[in-house]
Amino acid sequence: MKIEIWSDVICPFCYIGKAELETALKQWGGEADISHRSFRLSPGQTVIPTDLMLQQKYGMSPQQVSANQAQVTARAAQAGLEFHLDGTLAGDTTDAHRLIALAQGHGKQTEAVDRLYRAYFTDGRNIFDRAVLHEIGAELGLAAADIDAAFTSSDIDMSIALDQRQAQVYGVHGVPFVVVDGKYAVSGAQPVAAFLQTLQAAETEAKKNPVVEGDACGHRWLRSRIK
């Protein structure tokens, strides 16, 4: 089963949704190939405090922001996550997505996403600071020179743009957005039961319409024959 997740690393509901999906996957018990797709909530935005962003973008009062952050923190705790939202920042997360793209090339995409979420929501680290991203990259075993190159890579920027464009094709206006086998979509941080229902529906559909494979040109065909 193929699962694609459009998300941004400063979106609390993306982190919560990821945790709920992982719980659903454990309950489902099947195998899934998970890919994380880039979605920048605020492309081009300068870095500002999150509470100020919420006031400006949604017209919240400081009291409403505080109440909202408390509700989100409680929701995260229900999913088994520890949030510390005071002092967090908001802005263009392109550099963080560049680091994820680099990690993907080293087979560490999910680990990179996990570390960035934890750095931002739990540890209070400034993931808009390239020095901090270098530290996280080093924790992933990525070379400093490769990280620097990723920050200016036109190929990586193109992949980020393509992810965002595909989200637009799907009509995505917010994240998280999960697509299962290219047919089933789950929008938002849904409860475990909703994710589980989607996984089971996709599994049932796959059993009804199994793929019959024969000789073909492609990576799988080559791997089966090259010793």
Protein backbone atom coordinates (compact mmCIF):
# COMPACT_ATOMS: atom_id res chain seq x y z
CA MET A 1 0.00 0.00 0.00
CA LYS A 2 1.28 3.45 -0.95
CA ILE A 3 0.67 6.34 1.43
CA GLU A 4 1.55 9.95 0.59
CA ILE A 5 1.42 12.61 3.28
CA TRP A 6 1.36 16.32 2.45
CA SER A 7 2.43 18.28 5.51
CA ASP A 8 4.41 21.18 6.91
CA VAL A 9 6.77 20.73 9.83
CA ILE A 10 5.36 23.68 11.80
CA CYS A 11 1.75 22.51 11.49
CA PRO A 12 0.63 21.03 14.83
CA PHE A 13 -2.16 19.06 13.22
CA CYS A 14 0.31 17.48 10.80
CA TYR A 15 2.30 16.11 13.72
CA ILE A 16 -0.86 14.97 15.48
CA GLY A 17 -2.25 13.43 12.29
CA LYS A 18 1.01 11.58 11.71
CA ALA A 19 0.80 10.07 15.20
CA GLU A 20 -2.83 9.04 14.67
CA LEU A 21 -2.00 7.50 11.29
CA GLU A 22 0.88 5.53 12.79
CA THR A 23 -1.44 4.15 15.47
CA ALA A 24 -3.94 3.18 12.77
CA LEU A 25 -1.20 1.45 10.78
CA LYS A 26 -0.24 -0.62 13.82
CA GLN A 27 -3.86 -1.64 14.35
CA TRP A 28 -4.27 -2.45 10.67
CA GLY A 29 -1.16 -4.61 10.62
CA GLY A 30 -0.37 -4.41 6.92
CA GLU A 31 2.66 -3.05 5.08
CA ALA A 32 2.79 0.47 3.72
CA ASP A 33 5.26 2.51 1.70
CA ILE A 34 5.06 6.02 3.19
CA SER A 35 6.26 9.16 1.40
CA HIS A 36 6.24 12.64 2.87
CA ARG A 37 5.37 15.42 0.43
CA SER A 38 6.23 19.07 0.89
CA PHE A 39 3.57 21.62 1.65
CA ARG A 40 4.68 25.10 2.71
CA LEU A 41 1.94 26.87 4.62
CA SER A 42 3.53 30.31 4.30
CA PRO A 43 5.86 30.51 1.29
CA GLY A 44 7.78 33.76 1.26
CA GLN A 45 6.70 34.79 4.75
CA THR A 46 9.29 36.29 7.05
CA VAL A 47 9.83 34.56 10.38
CA ILE A 48 7.63 35.95 13.17
CA PRO A 49 6.36 34.62 16.53
CA THR A 50 3.56 32.10 16.09
CA ASP A 51 1.21 33.96 18.41
CA LEU A 52 1.63 37.08 16.28
CA MET A 53 1.02 35.09 13.10
CA LEU A 54 -2.23 33.70 14.55
CA GLN A 55 -3.36 37.19 15.49
CA GLN A 56 -2.56 38.60 12.05
CA LYS A 57 -3.77 35.68 9.93
CA TYR A 58 -6.89 34.67 11.82
CA GLY A 59 -7.74 37.85 13.70
CA MET A 60 -7.35 36.21 17.10
CA SER A 61 -6.94 38.18 20.28
CA PRO A 62 -3.99 37.30 22.55
CA GLN A 63 -6.46 35.56 24.87
CA GLN A 64 -7.87 33.51 21.98
CA VAL A 65 -4.36 32.57 20.88
CA SER A 66 -3.52 31.35 24.37
CA ALA A 67 -6.72 29.30 24.57
CA ASN A 68 -6.13 27.87 21.09
CA GLN A 69 -2.57 26.84 21.92
CA ALA A 70 -3.76 25.17 25.13
CA GLN A 71 -6.38 23.20 23.18
CA VAL A 72 -3.84 22.09 20.59
CA THR A 73 -1.41 21.04 23.32
CA ALA A 74 -4.13 18.95 24.97
CA ARG A 75 -5.07 17.37 21.65
CA ALA A 76 -1.41 16.49 21.07
CA ALA A 77 -1.17 14.89 24.50
CA GLN A 78 -4.10 12.64 23.64
CA ALA A 79 -2.07 11.43 20.65
CA GLY A 80 0.94 10.77 22.88
CA LEU A 81 2.87 13.89 21.90
CA GLU A 82 4.49 16.55 24.07
CA PHE A 83 4.01 20.10 22.84
CA HIS A 84 5.65 23.28 24.12
CA LEU A 85 4.24 26.02 21.90
CA ASP A 86 5.32 29.13 23.82
CA GLY A 87 7.98 30.99 21.88
CA THR A 88 7.59 29.04 18.63
CA LEU A 89 8.05 30.82 15.32
CA ALA A 90 6.17 30.78 12.02
CA GLY A 91 7.36 31.50 8.51
CA ASP A 92 8.57 29.97 5.25
CA THR A 93 9.74 26.40 5.94
CA THR A 94 11.51 25.87 2.62
CA ASP A 95 14.89 25.16 4.23
CA ALA A 96 13.37 22.47 6.47
CA HIS A 97 11.79 20.83 3.44
CA ARG A 98 15.13 20.99 1.65
CA LEU A 99 16.69 19.08 4.54
CA ILE A 100 13.92 16.47 4.34
CA ALA A 101 14.51 16.10 0.60
CA LEU A 102 18.23 15.57 1.21
CA ALA A 103 17.48 13.00 3.90
CA GLN A 104 15.15 11.20 1.52
CA GLY A 105 18.07 10.65 -0.83
CA HIS A 106 19.86 8.90 2.04
CA GLY A 107 16.88 6.74 2.99
CA LYS A 108 16.16 8.85 6.09
CA GLN A 109 13.12 10.88 5.10
CA THR A 110 10.78 9.71 7.87
CA GLU A 111 13.51 10.08 10.48
CA ALA A 112 14.14 13.64 9.30
CA VAL A 113 10.45 14.51 9.53
CA ASP A 114 10.26 13.02 13.03
CA ARG A 115 13.32 14.95 14.22
CA LEU A 116 12.07 18.24 12.81
CA TYR A 117 8.67 17.82 14.43
CA ARG A 118 10.26 16.99 17.78
CA ALA A 119 12.75 19.85 17.47
CA TYR A 120 10.02 22.38 16.78
CA PHE A 121 7.12 21.25 18.96
CA THR A 122 8.86 19.59 21.90
CA ASP A 123 12.40 20.94 22.17
CA GLY A 124 11.72 24.55 21.21
CA ARG A 125 14.48 24.71 18.60
CA ASN A 126 14.46 27.34 15.85
CA ILE A 127 14.18 25.26 12.68
CA PHE A 128 14.28 28.44 10.58
CA ASP A 129 17.95 28.83 11.56
CA ARG A 130 20.22 27.04 9.12
CA ALA A 131 22.69 26.39 11.94
CA VAL A 132 19.99 24.44 13.77
CA LEU A 133 19.12 22.56 10.58
CA HIS A 134 22.80 21.69 10.26
CA GLU A 135 22.69 20.26 13.79
CA ILE A 136 19.62 18.19 12.96
CA GLY A 137 21.22 17.05 9.71
CA ALA A 138 24.32 15.96 11.62
CA GLU A 139 22.09 13.99 14.00
CA LEU A 140 20.77 12.21 10.92
CA GLY A 141 24.31 11.45 9.76
CA LEU A 142 24.22 13.89 6.84
CA ALA A 143 27.41 15.65 5.77
CA ALA A 144 27.65 19.41 6.32
CA ALA A 145 28.68 20.00 2.70
CA ASP A 146 25.62 18.09 1.47
CA ILE A 147 23.34 20.14 3.71
CA ASP A 148 24.81 23.39 2.40
CA ALA A 149 24.35 22.16 -1.16
CA ALA A 150 20.72 21.23 -0.43
CA PHE A 151 19.96 24.81 0.61
CA THR A 152 20.80 26.02 -2.90
CA SER A 153 19.84 22.97 -4.98
CA SER A 154 17.59 23.78 -7.92
CA ASP A 155 16.66 20.09 -8.21
CA ILE A 156 15.47 19.95 -4.61
CA ASP A 157 13.56 23.21 -5.03
CA MET A 158 11.89 21.74 -8.10
CA SER A 159 10.82 18.64 -6.18
CA ILE A 160 9.34 20.83 -3.44
CA ALA A 161 7.48 22.89 -6.04
CA LEU A 162 6.15 19.74 -7.72
CA ASP A 163 4.83 18.44 -4.41
CA GLN A 164 3.03 21.72 -3.84
CA ARG A 165 1.66 21.69 -7.37
CA GLN A 166 0.33 18.15 -6.97
CA ALA A 167 -1.42 19.25 -3.79
CA GLN A 168 -3.10 22.01 -5.80
CA VAL A 169 -4.21 19.44 -8.37
CA TYR A 170 -5.84 17.48 -5.55
CA GLY A 171 -7.52 20.66 -4.36
CA VAL A 172 -5.64 20.72 -1.07
CA HIS A 173 -6.08 23.92 0.92
CA GLY A 174 -4.77 22.69 4.25
CA VAL A 175 -2.65 19.98 5.76
CA PRO A 176 -2.21 17.24 6.76
CA PHE A 177 -3.55 15.61 3.62
CA VAL A 178 -3.09 11.87 3.22
CA VAL A 179 -3.58 9.95 -0.02
CA VAL A 180 -3.75 6.15 0.04
CA ASP A 181 -3.02 4.23 -3.16
CA GLY A 182 -3.83 7.34 -5.18
CA LYS A 183 -7.57 6.78 -4.59
CA TYR A 184 -8.47 7.50 -0.98
CA ALA A 185 -7.87 10.80 0.77
CA VAL A 186 -7.99 11.84 4.40
CA SER A 187 -7.94 15.56 5.10
CA GLY A 188 -6.91 16.93 8.48
CA ALA A 189 -5.80 15.32 11.71
CA GLN A 190 -8.54 12.73 11.80
CA PRO A 191 -8.93 10.26 14.68
CA VAL A 192 -7.36 6.82 14.50
CA ALA A 193 -10.67 5.22 13.52
CA ALA A 194 -10.96 7.37 10.39
CA PHE A 195 -7.46 6.48 9.23
CA LEU A 196 -8.07 2.81 9.98
CA GLN A 197 -11.29 2.84 7.99
CA THR A 198 -9.47 4.33 5.01
CA LEU A 199 -6.67 1.76 5.20
CA GLN A 200 -9.18 -1.08 5.32
CA ALA A 201 -11.14 0.34 2.40
CA ALA A 202 -7.97 0.63 0.31
CA GLU A 203 -7.01 -2.94 1.24
CA THR A 204 -10.42 -4.24 0.22
CA GLU A 205 -10.21 -2.38 -3.08
CA ALA A 206 -6.76 -3.82 -3.77
CA LYS A 207 -8.03 -7.35 -3.16
CA LYS A 208 -10.93 -6.80 -5.55
CA ASN A 209 -8.61 -5.52 -8.25
CA PRO A 210 -5.30 -7.32 -7.89
CA VAL A 211 -2.42 -6.31 -10.13
CA VAL A 212 -1.34 -9.17 -12.37
CA GLU A 213 2.37 -8.78 -13.06
CA GLY A 214 4.36 -10.14 -15.96
CA ASP A 215 7.72 -9.37 -17.54
CA ALA A 216 8.18 -5.66 -17.93
CA CYS A 217 10.88 -3.06 -18.29
CA GLY A 218 11.57 -1.21 -15.07
CA HIS A 219 13.48 -1.36 -11.82
CA ARG A 220 11.56 -4.36 -10.47
CA TRP A 221 12.14 -6.39 -13.65
CA LEU A 222 15.83 -5.57 -13.58
CA ARG A 223 16.29 -6.40 -9.90
CA SER A 224 14.65 -9.78 -10.34
CA ARG A 225 17.15 -10.75 -13.00
CA ILE A 226 20.44 -9.11 -12.04
CA LYS A 227 22.49 -11.24 -9.65
